[in-house]
PDB file of N, CA and C in Angstrom:
ATOM      1  N   MET A   1     -65.265   7.686  91.639  1.00  0.00           N
ATOM      2  CA  MET A   1     -64.372   7.852  90.506  1.00  0.00           C
ATOM      3  C   MET A   1     -63.926   6.490  89.969  1.00  0.00           C
ATOM      4  N   LEU A   2     -63.510   5.603  90.849  1.00  0.00           N
ATOM      5  CA  LEU A   2     -63.063   4.278  90.429  1.00  0.00           C
ATOM      6  C   LEU A   2     -64.216   3.498  89.810  1.00  0.00           C
ATOM      7  N   ARG A   3     -65.382   3.660  90.390  1.00  0.00           N
ATOM      8  CA  ARG A   3     -66.556   2.948  89.878  1.00  0.00           C
ATOM      9  C   ARG A   3     -66.908   3.422  88.463  1.00  0.00           C
ATOM     10  N   ARG A   4     -66.827   4.712  88.197  1.00  0.00           N
ATOM     11  CA  ARG A   4     -67.089   5.251  86.867  1.00  0.00           C
ATOM     12  C   ARG A   4     -66.099   4.699  85.849  1.00  0.00           C
ATOM     13  N   THR A   5     -64.846   4.621  86.242  1.00  0.00           N
ATOM     14  CA  THR A   5     -63.814   4.100  85.354  1.00  0.00           C
ATOM     15  C   THR A   5     -64.085   2.638  85.017  1.00  0.00           C
ATOM     16  N   LEU A   6     -64.446   1.843  86.019  1.00  0.00           N
ATOM     17  CA  LEU A   6     -64.747   0.434  85.779  1.00  0.00           C
ATOM     18  C   LEU A   6     -65.968   0.271  84.890  1.00  0.00           C
ATOM     19  N   ILE A   7     -66.978   1.080  85.092  1.00  0.00           N
ATOM     20  CA  ILE A   7     -68.182   1.019  84.258  1.00  0.00           C
ATOM     21  C   ILE A   7     -67.850   1.421  82.821  1.00  0.00           C
ATOM     22  N   ALA A   8     -66.974   2.371  82.650  1.00  0.00           N
ATOM     23  CA  ALA A   8     -66.586   2.811  81.311  1.00  0.00           C
ATOM     24  C   ALA A   8     -65.727   1.762  80.609  1.00  0.00           C
ATOM     25  N   LEU A   9     -64.908   1.028  81.351  1.00  0.00           N
ATOM     26  CA  LEU A   9     -64.020   0.039  80.745  1.00  0.00           C
ATOM     27  C   LEU A   9     -64.694  -1.307  80.487  1.00  0.00           C
ATOM     28  N   LEU A  10     -65.816  -1.569  81.119  1.00  0.00           N
ATOM     29  CA  LEU A  10     -66.511  -2.844  80.943  1.00  0.00           C
ATOM     30  C   LEU A  10     -66.932  -3.081  79.491  1.00  0.00           C
ATOM     31  N   PRO A  11     -67.555  -2.125  78.802  1.00  0.00           N
ATOM     32  CA  PRO A  11     -67.897  -2.370  77.389  1.00  0.00           C
ATOM     33  C   PRO A  11     -66.661  -2.608  76.514  1.00  0.00           C
ATOM     34  N   LEU A  12     -65.579  -1.914  76.808  1.00  0.00           N
ATOM     35  CA  LEU A  12     -64.348  -2.117  76.054  1.00  0.00           C
ATOM     36  C   LEU A  12     -63.807  -3.529  76.273  1.00  0.00           C
ATOM     37  N   ALA A  13     -63.824  -3.986  77.501  1.00  0.00           N
ATOM     38  CA  ALA A  13     -63.361  -5.344  77.802  1.00  0.00           C
ATOM     39  C   ALA A  13     -64.236  -6.376  77.103  1.00  0.00           C
ATOM     40  N   LEU A  14     -65.539  -6.166  77.090  1.00  0.00           N
ATOM     41  CA  LEU A  14     -66.445  -7.085  76.388  1.00  0.00           C
ATOM     42  C   LEU A  14     -66.182  -7.074  74.891  1.00  0.00           C
ATOM     43  N   LEU A  15     -65.914  -5.918  74.342  1.00  0.00           N
ATOM     44  CA  LEU A  15     -65.620  -5.794  72.926  1.00  0.00           C
ATOM     45  C   LEU A  15     -64.373  -6.582  72.540  1.00  0.00           C
ATOM     46  N   VAL A  16     -63.403  -6.616  73.410  1.00  0.00           N
ATOM     47  CA  VAL A  16     -62.163  -7.346  73.144  1.00  0.00           C
ATOM     48  C   VAL A  16     -62.346  -8.845  73.404  1.00  0.00           C
ATOM     49  N   LEU A  17     -63.056  -9.221  74.447  1.00  0.00           N
ATOM     50  CA  LEU A  17     -63.154 -10.626  74.835  1.00  0.00           C
ATOM     51  C   LEU A  17     -64.179 -11.444  74.049  1.00  0.00           C
ATOM     52  N   LEU A  18     -65.279 -10.855  73.639  1.00  0.00           N
ATOM     53  CA  LEU A  18     -66.317 -11.629  72.959  1.00  0.00           C
ATOM     54  C   LEU A  18     -65.846 -12.314  71.679  1.00  0.00           C
ATOM     55  N   PRO A  19     -65.107 -11.655  70.789  1.00  0.00           N
ATOM     56  CA  PRO A  19     -64.622 -12.375  69.607  1.00  0.00           C
ATOM     57  C   PRO A  19     -63.678 -13.542  69.957  1.00  0.00           C
ATOM     58  N   VAL A  20     -62.910 -13.388  70.992  1.00  0.00           N
ATOM     59  CA  VAL A  20     -62.006 -14.458  71.409  1.00  0.00           C
ATOM     60  C   VAL A  20     -62.795 -15.648  71.944  1.00  0.00           C
ATOM     61  N   ILE A  21     -63.837 -15.368  72.696  1.00  0.00           N
ATOM     62  CA  ILE A  21     -64.647 -16.440  73.285  1.00  0.00           C
ATOM     63  C   ILE A  21     -65.437 -17.179  72.221  1.00  0.00           C
ATOM     64  N   PHE A  22     -66.010 -16.468  71.252  1.00  0.00           N
ATOM     65  CA  PHE A  22     -66.910 -17.081  70.287  1.00  0.00           C
ATOM     66  C   PHE A  22     -66.282 -17.435  68.945  1.00  0.00           C
ATOM     67  N   ARG A  23     -64.977 -17.316  68.797  1.00  0.00           N
ATOM     68  CA  ARG A  23     -64.375 -17.657  67.511  1.00  0.00           C
ATOM     69  C   ARG A  23     -64.488 -19.149  67.246  1.00  0.00           C
ATOM     70  N   GLU A  24     -64.464 -19.479  65.975  1.00  0.00           N
ATOM     71  CA  GLU A  24     -64.586 -20.871  65.559  1.00  0.00           C
ATOM     72  C   GLU A  24     -63.288 -21.609  65.877  1.00  0.00           C
ATOM     73  N   ARG A  25     -63.431 -22.705  66.565  1.00  0.00           N
ATOM     74  CA  ARG A  25     -62.259 -23.510  66.912  1.00  0.00           C
ATOM     75  C   ARG A  25     -61.950 -24.463  65.768  1.00  0.00           C
ATOM     76  N   THR A  26     -60.691 -24.532  65.380  1.00  0.00           N
ATOM     77  CA  THR A  26     -60.292 -25.462  64.336  1.00  0.00           C
ATOM     78  C   THR A  26     -59.301 -26.444  64.918  1.00  0.00           C
ATOM     79  N   ALA A  27     -59.481 -27.677  64.565  1.00  0.00           N
ATOM     80  CA  ALA A  27     -58.575 -28.719  65.037  1.00  0.00           C
ATOM     81  C   ALA A  27     -57.271 -28.646  64.247  1.00  0.00           C
ATOM     82  N   ALA A  28     -56.221 -29.139  64.831  1.00  0.00           N
ATOM     83  CA  ALA A  28     -54.944 -29.184  64.141  1.00  0.00           C
ATOM     84  C   ALA A  28     -55.059 -30.133  62.954  1.00  0.00           C
ATOM     85  N   PRO A  29     -54.481 -29.763  61.813  1.00  0.00           N
ATOM     86  CA  PRO A  29     -54.598 -30.628  60.641  1.00  0.00           C
ATOM     87  C   PRO A  29     -53.861 -31.949  60.843  1.00  0.00           C
ATOM     88  N   ALA A  30     -54.389 -32.968  60.206  1.00  0.00           N
ATOM     89  CA  ALA A  30     -53.760 -34.287  60.298  1.00  0.00           C
ATOM     90  C   ALA A  30     -52.403 -34.246  59.602  1.00  0.00           C
ATOM     91  N   ALA A  31     -51.503 -35.101  60.040  1.00  0.00           N
ATOM     92  CA  ALA A  31     -50.161 -35.133  59.473  1.00  0.00           C
ATOM     93  C   ALA A  31     -50.186 -35.529  58.001  1.00  0.00           C
ATOM     94  N   ASN A  32     -51.182 -36.305  57.608  1.00  0.00           N
ATOM     95  CA  ASN A  32     -51.254 -36.766  56.226  1.00  0.00           C
ATOM     96  C   ASN A  32     -52.199 -35.918  55.369  1.00  0.00           C
ATOM     97  N   ALA A  33     -52.555 -34.733  55.829  1.00  0.00           N
ATOM     98  CA  ALA A  33     -53.464 -33.853  55.092  1.00  0.00           C
ATOM     99  C   ALA A  33     -52.770 -33.326  53.847  1.00  0.00           C
ATOM    100  N   ASP A  34     -53.553 -33.165  52.779  1.00  0.00           N
ATOM    101  CA  ASP A  34     -53.023 -32.565  51.559  1.00  0.00           C
ATOM    102  C   ASP A  34     -52.782 -31.081  51.807  1.00  0.00           C
ATOM    103  N   ARG A  35     -51.877 -30.506  51.032  1.00  0.00           N
ATOM    104  CA  ARG A  35     -51.522 -29.103  51.233  1.00  0.00           C
ATOM    105  C   ARG A  35     -51.666 -28.349  49.921  1.00  0.00           C
ATOM    106  N   LEU A  36     -52.274 -27.182  49.983  1.00  0.00           N
ATOM    107  CA  LEU A  36     -52.456 -26.325  48.826  1.00  0.00           C
ATOM    108  C   LEU A  36     -51.900 -24.949  49.168  1.00  0.00           C
ATOM    109  N   VAL A  37     -50.983 -24.450  48.339  1.00  0.00           N
ATOM    110  CA  VAL A  37     -50.402 -23.128  48.548  1.00  0.00           C
ATOM    111  C   VAL A  37     -51.080 -22.166  47.583  1.00  0.00           C
ATOM    112  N   ILE A  38     -51.628 -21.071  48.115  1.00  0.00           N
ATOM    113  CA  ILE A  38     -52.308 -20.066  47.299  1.00  0.00           C
ATOM    114  C   ILE A  38     -51.642 -18.718  47.539  1.00  0.00           C
ATOM    115  N   ILE A  39     -51.240 -18.077  46.449  1.00  0.00           N
ATOM    116  CA  ILE A  39     -50.675 -16.726  46.513  1.00  0.00           C
ATOM    117  C   ILE A  39     -51.798 -15.770  46.140  1.00  0.00           C
ATOM    118  N   THR A  40     -52.144 -14.866  47.036  1.00  0.00           N
ATOM    119  CA  THR A  40     -53.293 -13.996  46.817  1.00  0.00           C
ATOM    120  C   THR A  40     -53.095 -12.621  47.439  1.00  0.00           C
ATOM    121  N   PRO A  41     -53.663 -11.592  46.804  1.00  0.00           N
ATOM    122  CA  PRO A  41     -53.647 -10.262  47.405  1.00  0.00           C
ATOM    123  C   PRO A  41     -54.906  -9.979  48.220  1.00  0.00           C
ATOM    124  N   HIS A  42     -55.820 -10.957  48.320  1.00  0.00           N
ATOM    125  CA  HIS A  42     -57.110 -10.724  48.951  1.00  0.00           C
ATOM    126  C   HIS A  42     -57.010 -10.542  50.462  1.00  0.00           C
ATOM    127  N   THR A  43     -58.063  -9.940  51.015  1.00  0.00           N
ATOM    128  CA  THR A  43     -58.103  -9.659  52.445  1.00  0.00           C
ATOM    129  C   THR A  43     -58.387 -10.934  53.238  1.00  0.00           C
ATOM    130  N   GLU A  44     -58.224 -10.831  54.545  1.00  0.00           N
ATOM    131  CA  GLU A  44     -58.431 -11.971  55.443  1.00  0.00           C
ATOM    132  C   GLU A  44     -59.855 -12.500  55.372  1.00  0.00           C
ATOM    133  N   SER A  45     -60.838 -11.627  55.236  1.00  0.00           N
ATOM    134  CA  SER A  45     -62.229 -12.085  55.194  1.00  0.00           C
ATOM    135  C   SER A  45     -62.504 -12.919  53.948  1.00  0.00           C
ATOM    136  N   ILE A  46     -61.962 -12.533  52.818  1.00  0.00           N
ATOM    137  CA  ILE A  46     -62.128 -13.314  51.593  1.00  0.00           C
ATOM    138  C   ILE A  46     -61.404 -14.639  51.713  1.00  0.00           C
ATOM    139  N   ARG A  47     -60.199 -14.628  52.244  1.00  0.00           N
ATOM    140  CA  ARG A  47     -59.443 -15.881  52.423  1.00  0.00           C
ATOM    141  C   ARG A  47     -60.165 -16.820  53.369  1.00  0.00           C
ATOM    142  N   TYR A  48     -60.756 -16.294  54.434  1.00  0.00           N
ATOM    143  CA  TYR A  48     -61.472 -17.121  55.400  1.00  0.00           C
ATOM    144  C   TYR A  48     -62.654 -17.823  54.743  1.00  0.00           C
ATOM    145  N   GLU A  49     -63.458 -17.071  54.002  1.00  0.00           N
ATOM    146  CA  GLU A  49     -64.636 -17.653  53.358  1.00  0.00           C
ATOM    147  C   GLU A  49     -64.231 -18.702  52.333  1.00  0.00           C
ATOM    148  N   PHE A  50     -63.233 -18.402  51.519  1.00  0.00           N
ATOM    149  CA  PHE A  50     -62.772 -19.361  50.524  1.00  0.00           C
ATOM    150  C   PHE A  50     -62.204 -20.604  51.191  1.00  0.00           C
ATOM    151  N   ASP A  51     -61.399 -20.412  52.225  1.00  0.00           N
ATOM    152  CA  ASP A  51     -60.769 -21.519  52.940  1.00  0.00           C
ATOM    153  C   ASP A  51     -61.817 -22.473  53.503  1.00  0.00           C
ATOM    154  N   ARG A  52     -62.787 -21.931  54.191  1.00  0.00           N
ATOM    155  CA  ARG A  52     -63.826 -22.756  54.815  1.00  0.00           C
ATOM    156  C   ARG A  52     -64.622 -23.524  53.767  1.00  0.00           C
ATOM    157  N   ALA A  53     -65.066 -22.833  52.725  1.00  0.00           N
ATOM    158  CA  ALA A  53     -65.898 -23.464  51.706  1.00  0.00           C
ATOM    159  C   ALA A  53     -65.107 -24.486  50.886  1.00  0.00           C
ATOM    160  N   PHE A  54     -63.884 -24.156  50.495  1.00  0.00           N
ATOM    161  CA  PHE A  54     -63.120 -25.070  49.646  1.00  0.00           C
ATOM    162  C   PHE A  54     -62.675 -26.316  50.413  1.00  0.00           C
ATOM    163  N   ARG A  55     -62.295 -26.153  51.692  1.00  0.00           N
ATOM    164  CA  ARG A  55     -61.918 -27.342  52.462  1.00  0.00           C
ATOM    165  C   ARG A  55     -63.097 -28.295  52.620  1.00  0.00           C
ATOM    166  N   THR A  56     -64.301 -27.744  52.835  1.00  0.00           N
ATOM    167  CA  THR A  56     -65.500 -28.577  52.926  1.00  0.00           C
ATOM    168  C   THR A  56     -65.756 -29.285  51.601  1.00  0.00           C
ATOM    169  N   TYR A  57     -65.684 -28.562  50.488  1.00  0.00           N
ATOM    170  CA  TYR A  57     -65.887 -29.140  49.162  1.00  0.00           C
ATOM    171  C   TYR A  57     -64.846 -30.226  48.889  1.00  0.00           C
ATOM    172  N   TYR A  58     -63.596 -29.947  49.180  1.00  0.00           N
ATOM    173  CA  TYR A  58     -62.512 -30.903  48.930  1.00  0.00           C
ATOM    174  C   TYR A  58     -62.730 -32.186  49.727  1.00  0.00           C
ATOM    175  N   HIS A  59     -63.140 -32.042  50.974  1.00  0.00           N
ATOM    176  CA  HIS A  59     -63.383 -33.222  51.813  1.00  0.00           C
ATOM    177  C   HIS A  59     -64.554 -34.042  51.276  1.00  0.00           C
ATOM    178  N   GLU A  60     -65.609 -33.387  50.809  1.00  0.00           N
ATOM    179  CA  GLU A  60     -66.759 -34.100  50.241  1.00  0.00           C
ATOM    180  C   GLU A  60     -66.383 -34.837  48.968  1.00  0.00           C
ATOM    181  N   GLN A  61     -65.511 -34.236  48.147  1.00  0.00           N
ATOM    182  CA  GLN A  61     -65.140 -34.839  46.870  1.00  0.00           C
ATOM    183  C   GLN A  61     -64.111 -35.956  47.002  1.00  0.00           C
ATOM    184  N   THR A  62     -63.138 -35.783  47.899  1.00  0.00           N
ATOM    185  CA  THR A  62     -62.026 -36.730  47.976  1.00  0.00           C
ATOM    186  C   THR A  62     -62.015 -37.556  49.250  1.00  0.00           C
ATOM    187  N   GLY A  63     -62.685 -37.083  50.291  1.00  0.00           N
ATOM    188  CA  GLY A  63     -62.641 -37.774  51.575  1.00  0.00           C
ATOM    189  C   GLY A  63     -61.354 -37.514  52.334  1.00  0.00           C
ATOM    190  N   ARG A  64     -60.543 -36.582  51.859  1.00  0.00           N
ATOM    191  CA  ARG A  64     -59.258 -36.271  52.488  1.00  0.00           C
ATOM    192  C   ARG A  64     -59.290 -34.863  53.061  1.00  0.00           C
ATOM    193  N   GLU A  65     -58.446 -34.636  54.058  1.00  0.00           N
ATOM    194  CA  GLU A  65     -58.324 -33.310  54.678  1.00  0.00           C
ATOM    195  C   GLU A  65     -57.395 -32.441  53.835  1.00  0.00           C
ATOM    196  N   LEU A  66     -57.594 -31.131  53.908  1.00  0.00           N
ATOM    197  CA  LEU A  66     -56.791 -30.190  53.146  1.00  0.00           C
ATOM    198  C   LEU A  66     -56.344 -29.052  54.054  1.00  0.00           C
ATOM    199  N   VAL A  67     -55.096 -28.667  53.919  1.00  0.00           N
ATOM    200  CA  VAL A  67     -54.554 -27.489  54.607  1.00  0.00           C
ATOM    201  C   VAL A  67     -54.198 -26.477  53.542  1.00  0.00           C
ATOM    202  N   ILE A  68     -54.754 -25.276  53.662  1.00  0.00           N
ATOM    203  CA  ILE A  68     -54.439 -24.216  52.705  1.00  0.00           C
ATOM    204  C   ILE A  68     -53.408 -23.280  53.317  1.00  0.00           C
ATOM    205  N   ASP A  69     -52.305 -23.127  52.626  1.00  0.00           N
ATOM    206  CA  ASP A  69     -51.212 -22.262  53.065  1.00  0.00           C
ATOM    207  C   ASP A  69     -51.298 -20.963  52.259  1.00  0.00           C
ATOM    208  N   TRP A  70     -51.776 -19.892  52.909  1.00  0.00           N
ATOM    209  CA  TRP A  70     -51.984 -18.628  52.235  1.00  0.00           C
ATOM    210  C   TRP A  70     -50.681 -17.836  52.192  1.00  0.00           C
ATOM    211  N   ARG A  71     -50.338 -17.329  51.017  1.00  0.00           N
ATOM    212  CA  ARG A  71     -49.169 -16.473  50.853  1.00  0.00           C
ATOM    213  C   ARG A  71     -49.646 -15.131  50.318  1.00  0.00           C
ATOM    214  N   SER A  72     -49.270 -14.076  50.989  1.00  0.00           N
ATOM    215  CA  SER A  72     -49.674 -12.738  50.584  1.00  0.00           C
ATOM    216  C   SER A  72     -48.417 -11.928  50.269  1.00  0.00           C
ATOM    217  N   PRO A  73     -48.240 -11.556  48.987  1.00  0.00           N
ATOM    218  CA  PRO A  73     -47.018 -10.832  48.613  1.00  0.00           C
ATOM    219  C   PRO A  73     -46.972  -9.411  49.153  1.00  0.00           C
ATOM    220  N   GLY A  74     -48.106  -8.902  49.627  1.00  0.00           N
ATOM    221  CA  GLY A  74     -48.149  -7.546  50.143  1.00  0.00           C
ATOM    222  C   GLY A  74     -48.346  -6.546  49.022  1.00  0.00           C
ATOM    223  N   GLY A  75     -48.812  -5.413  49.365  1.00  0.00           N
ATOM    224  CA  GLY A  75     -49.074  -4.392  48.367  1.00  0.00           C
ATOM    225  C   GLY A  75     -50.310  -4.708  47.550  1.00  0.00           C
ATOM    226  N   THR A  76     -50.445  -4.035  46.412  1.00  0.00           N
ATOM    227  CA  THR A  76     -51.597  -4.286  45.541  1.00  0.00           C
ATOM    228  C   THR A  76     -51.136  -4.636  44.153  1.00  0.00           C
TER     229      THR A  76
END
C-alpha cells in the first residue's frame, strides 16, 4: 500500500520540482540600472517574452542594464 502511494506521488513531485530546477536564473539588477515602469493588462507569459526581448534590445542599443517594473491594474 505504501509503495503504491509513493509510486503514485512520484510523477506529481516531478511535475512540481522540474520547473523549479530548470527555470531561468536571473542575476540581481545593478544598482545603477535604468528603470522602466509599464502598466499592462497582459498575462505573465506576454510580459515575460516582452521583458526578455526588450532588455536584450535595450542593452545592445545603449550598453546599459534595464529593470522593467510591471504594474497590473487587475481586471480587463
